[in-house]
Amino acid sequence: MSNLTFEDAVLALILDGAEDPNEIASILRVDVDEVKRALKNLELEGLVKVEEKGFWIFKKKVYKLTSKGYEKAVEAKKRISKVAEEIKNTLEKVKKGLISKDTVISELEPYVPFFPLFLYFNLLDLMLLLPLIELPLIAGILEDYGDYEDLG
């Protein structure tokens, strides 16, 4: 599977219209300081720029892609879709009993932090995550969506 970075996720979300660190943090289920660090790095690389939105006391900083950042974001979104498709295929094999979940958990674990992103972009079906319920982030995601026992 392709390597994904946190910056890939941030760029893809900005490409999709997210412009505020709090919004990005909420989608990715991470601390806003982690997003702010990533945005600072992306700004230093010339991939995002800061703009002020609003007026007077209602001004806030928003992040926009530069032309170089747009290209990187499109590439990142393609990689995210590709990884999500590979994960989906693997999870479908687990669901059908073709491979054991214990076999794939260690393989998928590096991608678990990206699962909220995959769900946000509708790249994974929530029901496919049920075999991974023992992973804390997956359990949290499923709890956010309500009574996951009714999904199966």
C-alpha atoms as a PDB file:
ATOM      1  CA  MET A   1       0.000   0.000   0.000  1.00  0.00           C
ATOM      2  CA  SER A   2       1.065   3.565  -0.609  1.00  0.00           C
ATOM      3  CA  ASN A   3       2.407   5.721   2.167  1.00  0.00           C
ATOM      4  CA  LEU A   4       0.089   8.429   3.414  1.00  0.00           C
ATOM      5  CA  THR A   5       1.107  11.364   5.544  1.00  0.00           C
ATOM      6  CA  PHE A   6      -0.842  13.596   7.857  1.00  0.00           C
ATOM      7  CA  GLU A   7      -0.030  16.458   5.485  1.00  0.00           C
ATOM      8  CA  ASP A   8      -1.679  14.479   2.655  1.00  0.00           C
ATOM      9  CA  ALA A   9      -4.857  14.349   4.711  1.00  0.00           C
ATOM     10  CA  VAL A  10      -4.739  18.073   5.483  1.00  0.00           C
ATOM     11  CA  LEU A  11      -4.129  19.004   1.841  1.00  0.00           C
ATOM     12  CA  ALA A  12      -6.976  16.768   0.657  1.00  0.00           C
ATOM     13  CA  LEU A  13      -9.370  18.331   3.153  1.00  0.00           C
ATOM     14  CA  ILE A  14      -8.403  21.858   2.119  1.00  0.00           C
ATOM     15  CA  LEU A  15      -8.933  20.800  -1.498  1.00  0.00           C
ATOM     16  CA  ASP A  16     -12.388  19.626  -0.442  1.00  0.00           C
ATOM     17  CA  GLY A  17     -13.181  23.022   1.110  1.00  0.00           C
ATOM     18  CA  ALA A  18     -12.032  22.775   4.717  1.00  0.00           C
ATOM     19  CA  GLU A  19     -10.205  25.971   5.602  1.00  0.00           C
ATOM     20  CA  ASP A  20     -10.046  26.131   9.367  1.00  0.00           C
ATOM     21  CA  PRO A  21      -7.724  24.100  11.657  1.00  0.00           C
ATOM     22  CA  ASN A  22     -10.610  23.266  14.009  1.00  0.00           C
ATOM     23  CA  GLU A  23     -12.699  21.862  11.163  1.00  0.00           C
ATOM     24  CA  ILE A  24      -9.796  19.748   9.906  1.00  0.00           C
ATOM     25  CA  ALA A  25      -9.033  18.492  13.423  1.00  0.00           C
ATOM     26  CA  SER A  26     -12.672  17.551  13.930  1.00  0.00           C
ATOM     27  CA  ILE A  27     -12.815  15.553  10.706  1.00  0.00           C
ATOM     28  CA  LEU A  28      -9.536  13.749  11.410  1.00  0.00           C
ATOM     29  CA  ARG A  29     -10.299  13.256  15.121  1.00  0.00           C
ATOM     30  CA  VAL A  30      -6.980  14.776  16.217  1.00  0.00           C
ATOM     31  CA  ASP A  31      -5.860  17.651  18.406  1.00  0.00           C
ATOM     32  CA  VAL A  32      -6.035  21.043  16.688  1.00  0.00           C
ATOM     33  CA  ASP A  33      -2.375  21.718  17.590  1.00  0.00           C
ATOM     34  CA  GLU A  34      -1.344  18.785  15.395  1.00  0.00           C
ATOM     35  CA  VAL A  35      -3.245  20.351  12.492  1.00  0.00           C
ATOM     36  CA  LYS A  36      -1.710  23.774  13.161  1.00  0.00           C
ATOM     37  CA  ARG A  37       1.801  22.258  13.068  1.00  0.00           C
ATOM     38  CA  ALA A  38       1.032  20.545   9.772  1.00  0.00           C
ATOM     39  CA  LEU A  39      -0.414  23.765   8.325  1.00  0.00           C
ATOM     40  CA  LYS A  40       2.691  25.696   9.385  1.00  0.00           C
ATOM     41  CA  ASN A  41       4.913  23.131   7.644  1.00  0.00           C
ATOM     42  CA  LEU A  42       2.730  23.245   4.531  1.00  0.00           C
ATOM     43  CA  GLU A  43       2.905  27.033   4.576  1.00  0.00           C
ATOM     44  CA  LEU A  44       6.721  26.934   4.830  1.00  0.00           C
ATOM     45  CA  GLU A  45       6.773  24.540   1.851  1.00  0.00           C
ATOM     46  CA  GLY A  46       4.659  26.992  -0.141  1.00  0.00           C
ATOM     47  CA  LEU A  47       1.707  24.612  -0.412  1.00  0.00           C
ATOM     48  CA  VAL A  48      -0.835  26.651   1.573  1.00  0.00           C
ATOM     49  CA  LYS A  49      -1.294  30.335   2.264  1.00  0.00           C
ATOM     50  CA  VAL A  50      -3.072  32.091   5.094  1.00  0.00           C
ATOM     51  CA  GLU A  51      -5.857  34.539   4.332  1.00  0.00           C
ATOM     52  CA  GLU A  52      -8.105  36.550   6.590  1.00  0.00           C
ATOM     53  CA  LYS A  53     -11.825  36.031   6.194  1.00  0.00           C
ATOM     54  CA  GLY A  54     -14.560  38.196   7.614  1.00  0.00           C
ATOM     55  CA  PHE A  55     -14.297  41.722   8.901  1.00  0.00           C
ATOM     56  CA  TRP A  56     -13.600  43.712  12.019  1.00  0.00           C
ATOM     57  CA  ILE A  57     -13.864  41.517  15.164  1.00  0.00           C
ATOM     58  CA  PHE A  58     -15.178  38.574  13.135  1.00  0.00           C
ATOM     59  CA  LYS A  59     -11.932  38.063  11.228  1.00  0.00           C
ATOM     60  CA  LYS A  60     -10.426  34.628  11.229  1.00  0.00           C
ATOM     61  CA  LYS A  61      -7.486  32.972   9.541  1.00  0.00           C
ATOM     62  CA  VAL A  62      -8.305  30.478   6.819  1.00  0.00           C
ATOM     63  CA  TYR A  63      -6.013  28.307   4.754  1.00  0.00           C
ATOM     64  CA  LYS A  64      -6.058  28.102   0.976  1.00  0.00           C
ATOM     65  CA  LEU A  65      -3.998  26.027  -1.421  1.00  0.00           C
ATOM     66  CA  THR A  66      -1.346  27.663  -3.559  1.00  0.00           C
ATOM     67  CA  SER A  67      -1.079  26.449  -7.166  1.00  0.00           C
ATOM     68  CA  LYS A  68       1.760  24.147  -6.085  1.00  0.00           C
ATOM     69  CA  GLY A  69      -0.364  23.031  -3.134  1.00  0.00           C
ATOM     70  CA  TYR A  70      -3.313  22.325  -5.423  1.00  0.00           C
ATOM     71  CA  GLU A  71      -1.195  19.932  -7.485  1.00  0.00           C
ATOM     72  CA  LYS A  72       0.068  18.192  -4.338  1.00  0.00           C
ATOM     73  CA  ALA A  73      -3.466  18.007  -2.929  1.00  0.00           C
ATOM     74  CA  VAL A  74      -4.812  16.371  -6.083  1.00  0.00           C
ATOM     75  CA  GLU A  75      -1.965  13.818  -5.926  1.00  0.00           C
ATOM     76  CA  ALA A  76      -2.651  13.247  -2.214  1.00  0.00           C
ATOM     77  CA  LYS A  77      -6.361  12.704  -2.823  1.00  0.00           C
ATOM     78  CA  LYS A  78      -5.562  10.103  -5.501  1.00  0.00           C
ATOM     79  CA  ARG A  79      -3.214   8.282  -3.080  1.00  0.00           C
ATOM     80  CA  ILE A  80      -5.854   8.429  -0.345  1.00  0.00           C
ATOM     81  CA  SER A  81      -8.458   6.943  -2.699  1.00  0.00           C
ATOM     82  CA  LYS A  82      -6.055   4.217  -3.804  1.00  0.00           C
ATOM     83  CA  VAL A  83      -5.170   3.215  -0.233  1.00  0.00           C
ATOM     84  CA  ALA A  84      -8.834   3.279   0.794  1.00  0.00           C
ATOM     85  CA  GLU A  85      -9.699   0.996  -2.133  1.00  0.00           C
ATOM     86  CA  GLU A  86      -6.955  -1.459  -1.119  1.00  0.00           C
ATOM     87  CA  ILE A  87      -8.173  -1.404   2.491  1.00  0.00           C
ATOM     88  CA  LYS A  88     -11.773  -1.873   1.351  1.00  0.00           C
ATOM     89  CA  ASN A  89     -10.773  -4.937  -0.699  1.00  0.00           C
ATOM     90  CA  THR A  90      -8.850  -6.371   2.268  1.00  0.00           C
ATOM     91  CA  LEU A  91     -11.740  -5.763   4.686  1.00  0.00           C
ATOM     92  CA  GLU A  92     -14.191  -7.364   2.277  1.00  0.00           C
ATOM     93  CA  LYS A  93     -11.967 -10.472   2.256  1.00  0.00           C
ATOM     94  CA  VAL A  94     -12.052 -10.478   6.073  1.00  0.00           C
ATOM     95  CA  LYS A  95     -15.844 -10.126   6.014  1.00  0.00           C
ATOM     96  CA  LYS A  96     -16.130 -13.088   3.611  1.00  0.00           C
ATOM     97  CA  GLY A  97     -13.784 -15.159   5.781  1.00  0.00           C
ATOM     98  CA  LEU A  98     -11.116 -15.420   3.087  1.00  0.00           C
ATOM     99  CA  ILE A  99      -8.450 -14.036   5.427  1.00  0.00           C
ATOM    100  CA  SER A 100      -8.378 -13.677   9.194  1.00  0.00           C
ATOM    101  CA  LYS A 101      -8.675 -10.277  10.824  1.00  0.00           C
ATOM    102  CA  ASP A 102      -5.595 -11.046  12.944  1.00  0.00           C
ATOM    103  CA  THR A 103      -3.590 -11.329   9.732  1.00  0.00           C
ATOM    104  CA  VAL A 104      -4.603  -7.885   8.480  1.00  0.00           C
ATOM    105  CA  ILE A 105      -4.724  -5.865  11.695  1.00  0.00           C
ATOM    106  CA  SER A 106      -0.953  -5.308  11.789  1.00  0.00           C
ATOM    107  CA  GLU A 107      -0.969  -4.536   8.058  1.00  0.00           C
ATOM    108  CA  LEU A 108      -3.775  -1.979   8.415  1.00  0.00           C
ATOM    109  CA  GLU A 109      -2.713  -0.433  11.720  1.00  0.00           C
ATOM    110  CA  PRO A 110      -0.574   2.340  10.127  1.00  0.00           C
ATOM    111  CA  TYR A 111      -3.677   3.455   8.203  1.00  0.00           C
ATOM    112  CA  VAL A 112      -6.131   3.467  11.117  1.00  0.00           C
ATOM    113  CA  PRO A 113      -5.553   7.193  11.818  1.00  0.00           C
ATOM    114  CA  PHE A 114      -6.766   7.860   8.267  1.00  0.00           C
ATOM    115  CA  PHE A 115     -10.036   5.942   8.666  1.00  0.00           C
ATOM    116  CA  PRO A 116     -12.003   9.068   9.688  1.00  0.00           C
ATOM    117  CA  LEU A 117     -10.744  10.666   6.467  1.00  0.00           C
ATOM    118  CA  PHE A 118     -11.762   7.629   4.406  1.00  0.00           C
ATOM    119  CA  LEU A 119     -15.224   7.785   5.971  1.00  0.00           C
ATOM    120  CA  TYR A 120     -15.474  11.548   5.429  1.00  0.00           C
ATOM    121  CA  PHE A 121     -14.763  11.081   1.714  1.00  0.00           C
ATOM    122  CA  ASN A 122     -17.132   8.066   1.592  1.00  0.00           C
ATOM    123  CA  LEU A 123     -14.275   5.804   0.528  1.00  0.00           C
ATOM    124  CA  LEU A 124     -14.999   3.106   3.147  1.00  0.00           C
ATOM    125  CA  ASP A 125     -18.225   1.566   4.325  1.00  0.00           C
ATOM    126  CA  LEU A 126     -18.674   1.829   8.073  1.00  0.00           C
ATOM    127  CA  MET A 127     -19.870  -1.765   8.258  1.00  0.00           C
ATOM    128  CA  LEU A 128     -16.512  -2.987   6.949  1.00  0.00           C
ATOM    129  CA  LEU A 129     -14.855  -1.623  10.083  1.00  0.00           C
ATOM    130  CA  LEU A 130     -16.701  -3.956  12.453  1.00  0.00           C
ATOM    131  CA  PRO A 131     -14.000  -6.674  12.381  1.00  0.00           C
ATOM    132  CA  LEU A 132     -11.505  -4.061  13.649  1.00  0.00           C
ATOM    133  CA  ILE A 133     -13.604  -3.010  16.655  1.00  0.00           C
ATOM    134  CA  GLU A 134     -10.839  -3.843  19.150  1.00  0.00           C
ATOM    135  CA  LEU A 135      -8.699  -1.004  17.802  1.00  0.00           C
ATOM    136  CA  PRO A 136      -9.485   2.025  20.016  1.00  0.00           C
ATOM    137  CA  LEU A 137      -9.879   4.553  17.204  1.00  0.00           C
ATOM    138  CA  ILE A 138     -12.228   2.243  15.299  1.00  0.00           C
ATOM    139  CA  ALA A 139     -14.336   1.702  18.413  1.00  0.00           C
ATOM    140  CA  GLY A 140     -14.534   5.482  18.853  1.00  0.00           C
ATOM    141  CA  ILE A 141     -15.549   6.018  15.240  1.00  0.00           C
ATOM    142  CA  LEU A 142     -18.256   3.388  15.477  1.00  0.00           C
ATOM    143  CA  GLU A 143     -19.543   4.894  18.735  1.00  0.00           C
ATOM    144  CA  ASP A 144     -19.810   8.273  16.996  1.00  0.00           C
ATOM    145  CA  TYR A 145     -22.109   6.695  14.429  1.00  0.00           C
ATOM    146  CA  GLY A 146     -24.434   5.246  17.018  1.00  0.00           C
ATOM    147  CA  ASP A 147     -25.339   1.682  17.784  1.00  0.00           C
ATOM    148  CA  TYR A 148     -22.914  -0.176  15.522  1.00  0.00           C
ATOM    149  CA  GLU A 149     -24.348  -3.542  16.599  1.00  0.00           C
ATOM    150  CA  ASP A 150     -27.379  -2.729  14.452  1.00  0.00           C
ATOM    151  CA  LEU A 151     -25.148  -2.345  11.383  1.00  0.00           C
ATOM    152  CA  GLY A 152     -24.367  -6.014  10.910  1.00  0.00           C
END
